[in-house]
């Protein structure tokens, strides 16, 4: 595979992942998934459901940060008209 095709494939995969990321976040934060952690147990004094929501939120931010770096580095530069 040529480097240009490899770069296009990586960019396409990153765009697909960027499309799926909010959908996965929405799915993981819906009540049926969050209810699994809604019990009396605590993690370092924090209810498990709160820890779960925070962990999903932090993971979404981290993955979005990584995807934005991939997408911005793979975009071709636009030629300027001088």
Protein backbone atom coordinates (compact mmCIF):
# COMPACT_ATOMS: atom_id res chain seq x y z
CA UNK A 1 0.00 0.00 0.00
CA UNK A 2 1.31 3.44 -0.88
CA UNK A 3 1.79 6.06 1.85
CA UNK A 4 -1.01 8.24 0.43
CA UNK A 5 -3.47 5.33 0.49
CA UNK A 6 -2.38 4.43 4.01
CA UNK A 7 -2.93 8.03 5.14
CA UNK A 8 -6.38 8.09 3.50
CA UNK A 9 -7.32 4.83 5.20
CA UNK A 10 -6.22 6.17 8.60
CA UNK A 11 -8.17 9.38 8.03
CA UNK A 12 -11.29 7.44 7.04
CA UNK A 13 -11.03 5.23 10.13
CA UNK A 14 -10.58 8.30 12.36
CA UNK A 15 -13.64 9.98 10.81
CA UNK A 16 -15.69 6.83 11.34
CA UNK A 17 -14.57 6.62 14.95
CA UNK A 18 -15.43 10.31 15.44
CA UNK A 19 -18.92 9.58 14.17
CA UNK A 20 -19.40 6.59 16.46
CA UNK A 21 -17.96 8.23 19.59
CA UNK A 22 -20.98 10.39 20.53
CA UNK A 23 -23.33 7.48 19.83
CA UNK A 24 -21.34 5.20 22.13
CA UNK A 25 -21.32 7.91 24.80
CA UNK A 26 -25.06 8.31 24.52
CA UNK A 27 -25.57 4.56 24.74
CA UNK A 28 -23.28 4.15 27.76
CA UNK A 29 -24.94 7.01 29.64
CA UNK A 30 -28.53 5.83 29.13
CA UNK A 31 -30.35 4.70 32.27
CA UNK A 32 -30.27 0.93 31.54
CA UNK A 33 -26.46 0.95 31.54
CA UNK A 34 -26.09 3.42 34.41
CA UNK A 35 -28.60 1.50 36.56
CA UNK A 36 -26.18 -1.43 36.69
CA UNK A 37 -23.97 0.73 38.91
CA UNK A 38 -26.78 2.29 40.98
CA UNK A 39 -26.28 0.39 44.22
CA UNK A 40 -25.15 1.13 47.75
CA UNK A 41 -21.45 0.47 47.16
CA UNK A 42 -18.91 3.26 47.03
CA UNK A 43 -15.49 3.79 45.48
CA UNK A 44 -13.30 6.01 47.70
CA UNK A 45 -16.50 7.36 49.26
CA UNK A 46 -18.11 8.18 45.90
CA UNK A 47 -21.24 6.28 44.83
CA UNK A 48 -20.45 3.84 42.03
CA UNK A 49 -22.99 5.38 39.65
CA UNK A 50 -21.26 8.76 39.98
CA UNK A 51 -17.86 7.14 39.42
CA UNK A 52 -19.25 5.34 36.35
CA UNK A 53 -20.66 8.52 34.81
CA UNK A 54 -17.43 10.41 35.50
CA UNK A 55 -15.31 7.58 34.05
CA UNK A 56 -17.39 7.47 30.85
CA UNK A 57 -17.24 11.27 30.58
CA UNK A 58 -13.45 11.29 31.04
CA UNK A 59 -12.99 8.46 28.54
CA UNK A 60 -15.11 10.29 25.95
CA UNK A 61 -13.01 13.43 26.39
CA UNK A 62 -9.74 11.50 26.10
CA UNK A 63 -10.84 9.61 22.96
CA UNK A 64 -12.18 12.82 21.39
CA UNK A 65 -8.86 14.53 22.08
CA UNK A 66 -6.94 11.71 20.41
CA UNK A 67 -9.32 11.65 17.44
CA UNK A 68 -9.10 15.40 16.98
CA UNK A 69 -5.31 15.16 16.87
CA UNK A 70 -5.54 12.41 14.26
CA UNK A 71 -8.08 14.28 12.16
CA UNK A 72 -6.23 17.58 12.25
CA UNK A 73 -2.91 15.98 11.27
CA UNK A 74 -4.46 14.01 8.40
CA UNK A 75 -6.29 16.89 6.75
CA UNK A 76 -4.58 18.18 3.63
CA UNK A 77 -3.51 21.78 3.71
CA UNK A 78 -5.41 24.12 1.46
CA UNK A 79 -3.31 26.03 -1.05
CA UNK A 80 -3.52 29.77 -0.64
CA UNK A 81 -4.19 32.06 -3.56
CA UNK A 82 -1.61 34.83 -3.55
